[in-house]
Amino acid sequence: MFNPSQADVRLFFCGVRAKMISGAPMEAIETLASLWIDEHPEYFAELSDVDAALVRNYDAEPERTNPFLHLSMHLSISEQCSVDSPRGIRQAVELLTKKRDLHDAHHATMECLGQMLWESQRSGRPPDGEAYVAGVQRLATSDGSFKSSP
């Protein structure tokens, strides 16, 4: 299983941004990443400065979104949907896209993914994929607002 370091992730996204600018050929995963990067022009400057990206501490700046984490979550959700793992996530996200565009559906799904990971870390148990999918399904069939469970 591939387990990239923080530096690997940052170099990957900065490399994709550089290829976007230069028009260099990309691998499939890079093409997918470039589509999500295109959806976030607010990250272009940060993705264009590799040296700064490698040393920036987003934990010390809680008011700032970590573009590398955010884009990684987009890629994770895309991959989850492509292989339907956890089972049902593809259908849940597709159902959510009937209410929102794909980008907004991903952002809502990220809230559920983050909640699942937080619960897993807090409890010391493995991530609960069924609860994650159920959360996305609830968003798709409700008024659309995310409400975490107590």
Protein backbone atom coordinates (compact mmCIF):
# COMPACT_ATOMS: atom_id res chain seq x y z
CA MET A 1 0.00 0.00 0.00
CA PHE A 2 1.37 3.39 -0.95
CA ASN A 3 1.66 5.74 2.00
CA PRO A 4 2.97 9.11 0.81
CA SER A 5 4.63 11.54 3.17
CA GLN A 6 3.45 15.12 3.54
CA ALA A 7 6.32 16.20 1.28
CA ASP A 8 5.36 13.58 -1.35
CA VAL A 9 1.77 14.88 -1.45
CA ARG A 10 2.87 18.48 -1.72
CA LEU A 11 5.42 17.68 -4.43
CA PHE A 12 2.76 15.73 -6.34
CA PHE A 13 0.24 18.58 -6.41
CA CYS A 14 2.89 21.22 -7.12
CA GLY A 15 4.19 19.01 -9.94
CA VAL A 16 0.72 18.68 -11.40
CA ARG A 17 0.27 22.44 -11.28
CA ALA A 18 3.61 22.90 -13.05
CA LYS A 19 2.52 20.44 -15.76
CA MET A 20 -0.78 22.31 -16.11
CA ILE A 21 1.10 25.55 -16.72
CA SER A 22 3.66 24.03 -19.11
CA GLY A 23 1.25 21.75 -20.95
CA ALA A 24 3.43 18.73 -20.18
CA PRO A 25 1.86 15.28 -20.54
CA MET A 26 0.31 13.81 -17.41
CA GLU A 27 -0.38 10.39 -16.00
CA ALA A 28 -4.04 9.51 -15.35
CA ILE A 29 -3.93 10.39 -11.64
CA GLU A 30 -2.28 13.70 -12.49
CA THR A 31 -5.02 14.48 -15.01
CA LEU A 32 -7.65 13.81 -12.36
CA ALA A 33 -5.76 15.96 -9.86
CA SER A 34 -5.50 18.75 -12.45
CA LEU A 35 -9.29 18.78 -12.83
CA TRP A 36 -9.69 19.35 -9.10
CA ILE A 37 -6.90 21.94 -9.05
CA ASP A 38 -8.73 23.79 -11.84
CA GLU A 39 -11.77 23.94 -9.56
CA HIS A 40 -9.65 25.76 -6.95
CA PRO A 41 -7.90 28.77 -8.51
CA GLU A 42 -7.46 30.15 -4.99
CA TYR A 43 -4.73 27.50 -4.55
CA PHE A 44 -2.78 28.28 -7.74
CA ALA A 45 -0.19 30.51 -6.05
CA GLU A 46 0.48 28.03 -3.23
CA LEU A 47 0.78 25.16 -5.70
CA SER A 48 3.21 27.16 -7.83
CA ASP A 49 5.74 27.70 -5.02
CA VAL A 50 7.26 24.31 -4.21
CA ASP A 51 9.77 25.60 -1.67
CA ALA A 52 7.10 27.42 0.35
CA ALA A 53 4.73 24.46 0.06
CA LEU A 54 7.26 22.10 1.58
CA VAL A 55 7.76 24.20 4.73
CA ARG A 56 4.32 25.73 5.33
CA ASN A 57 2.61 24.62 8.54
CA TYR A 58 -1.15 24.79 8.07
CA ASP A 59 -1.69 23.52 11.63
CA ALA A 60 -0.24 26.82 12.85
CA GLU A 61 -2.75 28.70 10.65
CA PRO A 62 -6.14 27.16 11.52
CA GLU A 63 -7.98 29.91 9.64
CA ARG A 64 -6.37 28.77 6.36
CA THR A 65 -7.50 25.74 4.41
CA ASN A 66 -4.71 23.31 3.67
CA PRO A 67 -4.93 23.04 -0.13
CA PHE A 68 -2.98 19.77 -0.16
CA LEU A 69 -5.34 18.10 2.29
CA HIS A 70 -8.36 19.52 0.48
CA LEU A 71 -7.20 18.32 -2.95
CA SER A 72 -6.20 14.95 -1.48
CA MET A 73 -9.74 14.54 -0.17
CA HIS A 74 -11.13 15.30 -3.64
CA LEU A 75 -8.85 12.60 -5.07
CA SER A 76 -9.80 10.15 -2.32
CA ILE A 77 -13.50 10.63 -2.92
CA SER A 78 -13.00 10.28 -6.68
CA GLU A 79 -11.12 7.01 -6.12
CA GLN A 80 -13.72 5.76 -3.62
CA CYS A 81 -16.46 6.41 -6.17
CA SER A 82 -14.52 4.75 -9.00
CA VAL A 83 -14.17 1.49 -7.06
CA ASP A 84 -17.32 1.91 -4.93
CA SER A 85 -15.47 1.50 -1.67
CA PRO A 86 -16.84 1.71 0.89
CA ARG A 87 -19.71 -0.05 -0.79
CA GLY A 88 -22.52 2.36 -1.65
CA ILE A 89 -20.39 5.54 -1.76
CA ARG A 90 -20.65 5.82 -5.54
CA GLN A 91 -24.45 5.72 -5.45
CA ALA A 92 -24.62 8.10 -2.48
CA VAL A 93 -22.39 10.70 -4.17
CA GLU A 94 -24.27 10.30 -7.48
CA LEU A 95 -27.54 10.85 -5.63
CA LEU A 96 -26.07 13.94 -3.97
CA THR A 97 -25.06 15.31 -7.39
CA LYS A 98 -28.74 15.40 -8.30
CA LYS A 99 -29.09 18.18 -5.69
CA ARG A 100 -25.67 19.86 -6.11
CA ASP A 101 -22.98 20.03 -8.75
CA LEU A 102 -20.16 17.50 -8.45
CA HIS A 103 -17.79 19.96 -6.79
CA ASP A 104 -20.31 20.92 -4.10
CA ALA A 105 -21.25 17.26 -3.66
CA HIS A 106 -17.59 16.46 -3.02
CA HIS A 107 -17.35 19.24 -0.44
CA ALA A 108 -20.41 17.89 1.38
CA THR A 109 -18.99 14.36 1.17
CA MET A 110 -15.73 15.67 2.66
CA GLU A 111 -17.64 16.72 5.76
CA CYS A 112 -18.90 13.15 6.19
CA LEU A 113 -15.46 11.71 5.45
CA GLY A 114 -13.86 14.05 7.98
CA GLN A 115 -16.48 13.12 10.57
CA MET A 116 -15.83 9.42 10.03
CA LEU A 117 -12.07 9.88 10.40
CA TRP A 118 -12.49 12.05 13.49
CA GLU A 119 -14.78 9.44 15.11
CA SER A 120 -12.28 6.71 14.27
CA GLN A 121 -9.38 8.61 15.82
CA ARG A 122 -11.41 9.59 18.87
CA SER A 123 -12.68 6.07 19.54
CA GLY A 124 -9.55 4.16 18.50
CA ARG A 125 -11.69 1.99 16.21
CA PRO A 126 -11.32 1.48 12.46
CA PRO A 127 -13.15 3.96 10.22
CA ASP A 128 -16.86 3.13 9.88
CA GLY A 129 -17.50 3.08 6.14
CA GLU A 130 -21.18 2.30 6.60
CA ALA A 131 -21.68 5.38 8.76
CA TYR A 132 -19.80 7.47 6.20
CA VAL A 133 -21.99 6.28 3.33
CA ALA A 134 -25.11 6.75 5.48
CA GLY A 135 -24.05 10.34 6.18
CA VAL A 136 -23.70 11.09 2.47
CA GLN A 137 -27.04 9.39 1.80
CA ARG A 138 -28.68 11.55 4.47
CA LEU A 139 -27.32 14.67 2.76
CA ALA A 140 -28.62 13.45 -0.57
CA THR A 141 -32.12 12.82 0.77
CA SER A 142 -32.50 15.71 3.23
CA ASP A 143 -32.40 19.48 3.04
CA GLY A 144 -28.67 19.12 2.33
CA SER A 145 -27.18 20.61 5.46
CA PHE A 146 -24.50 18.59 7.23
CA LYS A 147 -25.21 17.76 10.85
CA SER A 148 -22.69 15.69 12.75
CA SER A 149 -23.90 13.14 15.22
CA PRO A 150 -23.31 13.83 18.92
